[in-house]
Protein backbone atom coordinates (compact mmCIF):
# COMPACT_ATOMS: atom_id res chain seq x y z
CA MET A 1 0.61 11.75 -5.08
CA ASP A 2 -2.30 9.89 -4.13
CA ILE A 3 -2.86 7.27 -1.21
CA ILE A 4 -3.40 3.44 -2.93
CA LYS A 5 -6.86 2.50 -1.50
CA VAL A 6 -7.13 -1.31 -1.03
CA LYS A 7 -10.26 -3.15 -0.48
CA ALA A 8 -10.73 -6.41 0.24
CA ASN A 9 -11.57 -7.68 -3.19
CA SER A 10 -8.98 -5.78 -4.81
CA ARG A 11 -6.33 -7.49 -7.29
CA THR A 12 -3.01 -8.09 -5.74
CA ALA A 13 -0.89 -7.86 -8.46
CA ALA A 14 -2.63 -4.50 -9.70
CA VAL A 15 -2.26 -3.12 -6.66
CA ALA A 16 1.34 -4.36 -6.40
CA GLY A 17 1.80 -2.41 -9.62
CA ALA A 18 0.57 0.30 -8.50
CA ILE A 19 2.88 0.61 -5.71
CA ALA A 20 6.18 -0.18 -7.82
CA GLY A 21 4.84 2.28 -10.26
CA VAL A 22 4.71 5.29 -7.58
CA ILE A 23 8.02 3.90 -5.92
CA ARG A 24 9.27 4.45 -9.14
CA GLU A 25 8.13 7.85 -9.82
CA HIS A 26 7.77 9.32 -6.51
CA LYS A 27 10.44 7.53 -4.17
CA HIS A 28 7.39 7.04 -1.90
CA ALA A 29 3.91 5.47 -1.59
CA GLU A 30 1.29 5.39 0.65
CA VAL A 31 -1.12 2.18 0.91
CA GLN A 32 -4.51 2.38 3.14
CA ALA A 33 -6.78 -0.53 3.85
CA ILE A 34 -9.69 -0.62 6.40
CA GLY A 35 -10.42 -4.06 7.28
CA ALA A 36 -8.86 -7.08 8.04
CA GLY A 37 -9.50 -8.39 4.18
CA ALA A 38 -8.62 -5.57 2.73
CA VAL A 39 -4.88 -5.25 5.27
CA ASN A 40 -4.19 -8.88 4.16
CA GLN A 41 -4.39 -7.67 0.24
CA ALA A 42 -2.26 -4.60 1.11
CA VAL A 43 0.08 -6.77 2.30
CA LYS A 44 0.13 -9.49 -0.12
CA ALA A 45 0.42 -6.53 -2.89
CA MET A 46 3.48 -5.22 -1.03
CA VAL A 47 5.21 -8.29 -0.97
CA LEU A 48 4.77 -8.42 -4.64
CA ALA A 49 6.02 -4.97 -5.20
CA THR A 50 9.55 -5.70 -3.53
CA GLY A 51 9.99 -8.58 -5.60
CA TYR A 52 9.38 -6.30 -9.31
CA LEU A 53 11.39 -3.58 -7.57
CA LYS A 54 14.32 -5.85 -6.47
CA GLU A 55 14.66 -6.86 -9.93
CA GLU A 56 15.47 -3.34 -10.17
CA GLY A 57 17.81 -3.24 -7.69
CA VAL A 58 15.19 -0.93 -5.46
CA TYR A 59 14.85 -2.55 -1.85
CA ILE A 60 11.38 -0.90 0.18
CA VAL A 61 10.81 -0.69 3.43
CA ALA A 62 7.08 -0.25 5.24
CA VAL A 63 6.25 1.29 8.41
CA PRO A 64 2.59 0.31 9.59
CA GLU A 65 0.28 3.06 11.02
CA PHE A 66 -2.88 3.61 12.27
CA VAL A 67 -5.28 6.46 10.70
CA ASP A 68 -8.67 7.95 11.28
CA VAL A 69 -10.46 8.02 8.18
CA GLU A 70 -14.05 9.90 7.69
CA ILE A 71 -16.45 7.78 5.55
CA ASP A 72 -19.90 8.86 5.19
CA GLY A 73 -20.03 11.13 8.10
CA LYS A 74 -18.56 8.09 10.16
CA VAL A 75 -14.74 7.54 11.80
CA ARG A 76 -13.29 4.59 10.99
CA THR A 77 -9.29 3.10 11.81
CA ALA A 78 -7.70 2.49 8.99
CA ILE A 79 -3.75 0.93 8.66
CA LYS A 80 -2.02 2.58 6.39
CA LEU A 81 1.38 1.06 4.88
CA VAL A 82 4.39 4.40 4.13
CA ILE A 83 6.50 2.99 1.91
CA ASP A 84 9.93 4.18 1.11
CA PRO A 85 13.29 2.70 -0.52
CA LYS A 86 15.80 1.60 1.95
């Protein structure tokens, strides 16, 4: 399973659909964002996905974590949301 990577200009609805789809298929999703704008989009997408899944009787919880990511030879700190059904 791939990590859903979110950028500051990611479409919230598209990310929410990806989260909901991964939860439906794998019962576990991980969303990664670097920077305030990207984290904002990721959290908004998670809220939307919660609404999508709630209609189907699936309730999710997210646990945020710090994770170090190497990009172009530099280590950056990202926020990872680990999402699972309740």
